[in-house]
Amino acid sequence: MHEKPYRSVVKSLSWRTLGTMDTMIISYFITGNFVMAASIGSIEVFTKMVLYYFHERAWNKIPLGRIKPTQNDYQI
């Protein structure tokens, strides 16, 4: 099955929301400073979304673990 690029964008956004909250919480526990934690989170949210998008697109080209549909497969 082939995924369209916009699916990768939506997945990237949802994953980064969760990941950024995690980074901010960890940063707050380490620094004890909410402003610093928010700064760290706001920087990494953009860099990691871009990295994830290209990572996802690259994996879309790799057939590892995928089952190729046969010509006689029934689809609805």
C-alpha atoms as a PDB file:
ATOM      1  CA  MET A   1       0.000   0.000   0.000  1.00  0.00           C
ATOM      2  CA  HIS A   2       1.319   3.441  -0.921  1.00  0.00           C
ATOM      3  CA  GLU A   3       0.820   6.461   1.326  1.00  0.00           C
ATOM      4  CA  LYS A   4       0.350   9.970   0.009  1.00  0.00           C
ATOM      5  CA  PRO A   5       2.674  12.753   1.207  1.00  0.00           C
ATOM      6  CA  TYR A   6      -0.079  14.589   3.121  1.00  0.00           C
ATOM      7  CA  ARG A   7      -0.543  11.511   5.325  1.00  0.00           C
ATOM      8  CA  SER A   8       3.101  11.806   6.329  1.00  0.00           C
ATOM      9  CA  VAL A   9       2.562  15.483   7.162  1.00  0.00           C
ATOM     10  CA  VAL A  10      -0.456  14.730   9.387  1.00  0.00           C
ATOM     11  CA  LYS A  11       1.383  11.889  11.124  1.00  0.00           C
ATOM     12  CA  SER A  12       4.363  14.171  11.593  1.00  0.00           C
ATOM     13  CA  LEU A  13       2.240  16.858  13.237  1.00  0.00           C
ATOM     14  CA  SER A  14       0.496  14.476  15.619  1.00  0.00           C
ATOM     15  CA  TRP A  15       3.726  12.731  16.600  1.00  0.00           C
ATOM     16  CA  ARG A  16       5.584  16.014  17.146  1.00  0.00           C
ATOM     17  CA  THR A  17       2.818  17.363  19.367  1.00  0.00           C
ATOM     18  CA  LEU A  18       3.227  14.387  21.647  1.00  0.00           C
ATOM     19  CA  GLY A  19       7.021  14.409  21.366  1.00  0.00           C
ATOM     20  CA  THR A  20       7.311  18.127  22.079  1.00  0.00           C
ATOM     21  CA  MET A  21       5.195  17.849  25.213  1.00  0.00           C
ATOM     22  CA  ASP A  22       7.513  15.068  26.349  1.00  0.00           C
ATOM     23  CA  THR A  23      10.617  17.164  25.591  1.00  0.00           C
ATOM     24  CA  MET A  24       9.213  20.159  27.454  1.00  0.00           C
ATOM     25  CA  ILE A  25       8.366  18.068  30.526  1.00  0.00           C
ATOM     26  CA  ILE A  26      11.823  16.487  30.595  1.00  0.00           C
ATOM     27  CA  SER A  27      13.477  19.864  29.991  1.00  0.00           C
ATOM     28  CA  TYR A  28      11.489  21.386  32.842  1.00  0.00           C
ATOM     29  CA  PHE A  29      12.543  18.615  35.231  1.00  0.00           C
ATOM     30  CA  ILE A  30      16.195  19.054  34.228  1.00  0.00           C
ATOM     31  CA  THR A  31      16.328  22.865  34.182  1.00  0.00           C
ATOM     32  CA  GLY A  32      13.552  23.762  36.634  1.00  0.00           C
ATOM     33  CA  ASN A  33      12.792  26.656  34.294  1.00  0.00           C
ATOM     34  CA  PHE A  34       9.557  26.707  32.308  1.00  0.00           C
ATOM     35  CA  VAL A  35      10.802  29.388  29.871  1.00  0.00           C
ATOM     36  CA  MET A  36      13.890  27.320  29.068  1.00  0.00           C
ATOM     37  CA  ALA A  37      11.772  24.171  28.660  1.00  0.00           C
ATOM     38  CA  ALA A  38       9.395  26.001  26.288  1.00  0.00           C
ATOM     39  CA  SER A  39      12.360  27.355  24.305  1.00  0.00           C
ATOM     40  CA  ILE A  40      13.843  23.895  23.904  1.00  0.00           C
ATOM     41  CA  GLY A  41      10.460  22.468  22.910  1.00  0.00           C
ATOM     42  CA  SER A  42       9.738  25.218  20.386  1.00  0.00           C
ATOM     43  CA  ILE A  43      13.048  24.696  18.601  1.00  0.00           C
ATOM     44  CA  GLU A  44      12.901  20.919  18.464  1.00  0.00           C
ATOM     45  CA  VAL A  45       9.311  20.793  17.255  1.00  0.00           C
ATOM     46  CA  PHE A  46      10.268  22.249  13.871  1.00  0.00           C
ATOM     47  CA  THR A  47      13.541  20.416  13.367  1.00  0.00           C
ATOM     48  CA  LYS A  48      12.077  17.043  14.274  1.00  0.00           C
ATOM     49  CA  MET A  49       8.983  17.503  12.094  1.00  0.00           C
ATOM     50  CA  VAL A  50      11.197  18.062   9.081  1.00  0.00           C
ATOM     51  CA  LEU A  51      13.401  15.092   9.971  1.00  0.00           C
ATOM     52  CA  TYR A  52      10.372  12.850  10.563  1.00  0.00           C
ATOM     53  CA  TYR A  53       8.764  13.827   7.238  1.00  0.00           C
ATOM     54  CA  PHE A  54      11.850  12.852   5.245  1.00  0.00           C
ATOM     55  CA  HIS A  55      12.326   9.728   7.357  1.00  0.00           C
ATOM     56  CA  GLU A  56       8.715   8.689   6.657  1.00  0.00           C
ATOM     57  CA  ARG A  57       9.026   9.376   2.924  1.00  0.00           C
ATOM     58  CA  ALA A  58      12.247   7.350   2.739  1.00  0.00           C
ATOM     59  CA  TRP A  59      10.598   4.416   4.525  1.00  0.00           C
ATOM     60  CA  ASN A  60       7.704   4.603   2.070  1.00  0.00           C
ATOM     61  CA  LYS A  61      10.179   3.596  -0.656  1.00  0.00           C
ATOM     62  CA  ILE A  62      11.550   0.621   1.295  1.00  0.00           C
ATOM     63  CA  PRO A  63       9.596  -2.617   0.757  1.00  0.00           C
ATOM     64  CA  LEU A  64      10.814  -4.230   4.016  1.00  0.00           C
ATOM     65  CA  GLY A  65       7.881  -5.914   5.774  1.00  0.00           C
ATOM     66  CA  ARG A  66       5.293  -5.069   3.143  1.00  0.00           C
ATOM     67  CA  ILE A  67       3.140  -7.582   1.334  1.00  0.00           C
ATOM     68  CA  LYS A  68       2.743  -6.952  -2.357  1.00  0.00           C
ATOM     69  CA  PRO A  69      -0.881  -7.165  -3.497  1.00  0.00           C
ATOM     70  CA  THR A  70      -1.513  -9.748  -6.172  1.00  0.00           C
ATOM     71  CA  GLN A  71      -3.481  -8.988  -9.290  1.00  0.00           C
ATOM     72  CA  ASN A  72      -6.391 -11.118  -8.081  1.00  0.00           C
ATOM     73  CA  ASP A  73      -6.730  -9.470  -4.656  1.00  0.00           C
ATOM     74  CA  TYR A  74     -10.308  -8.426  -3.969  1.00  0.00           C
ATOM     75  CA  GLN A  75     -10.676  -4.759  -2.981  1.00  0.00           C
ATOM     76  CA  ILE A  76     -13.747  -2.851  -1.957  1.00  0.00           C
END
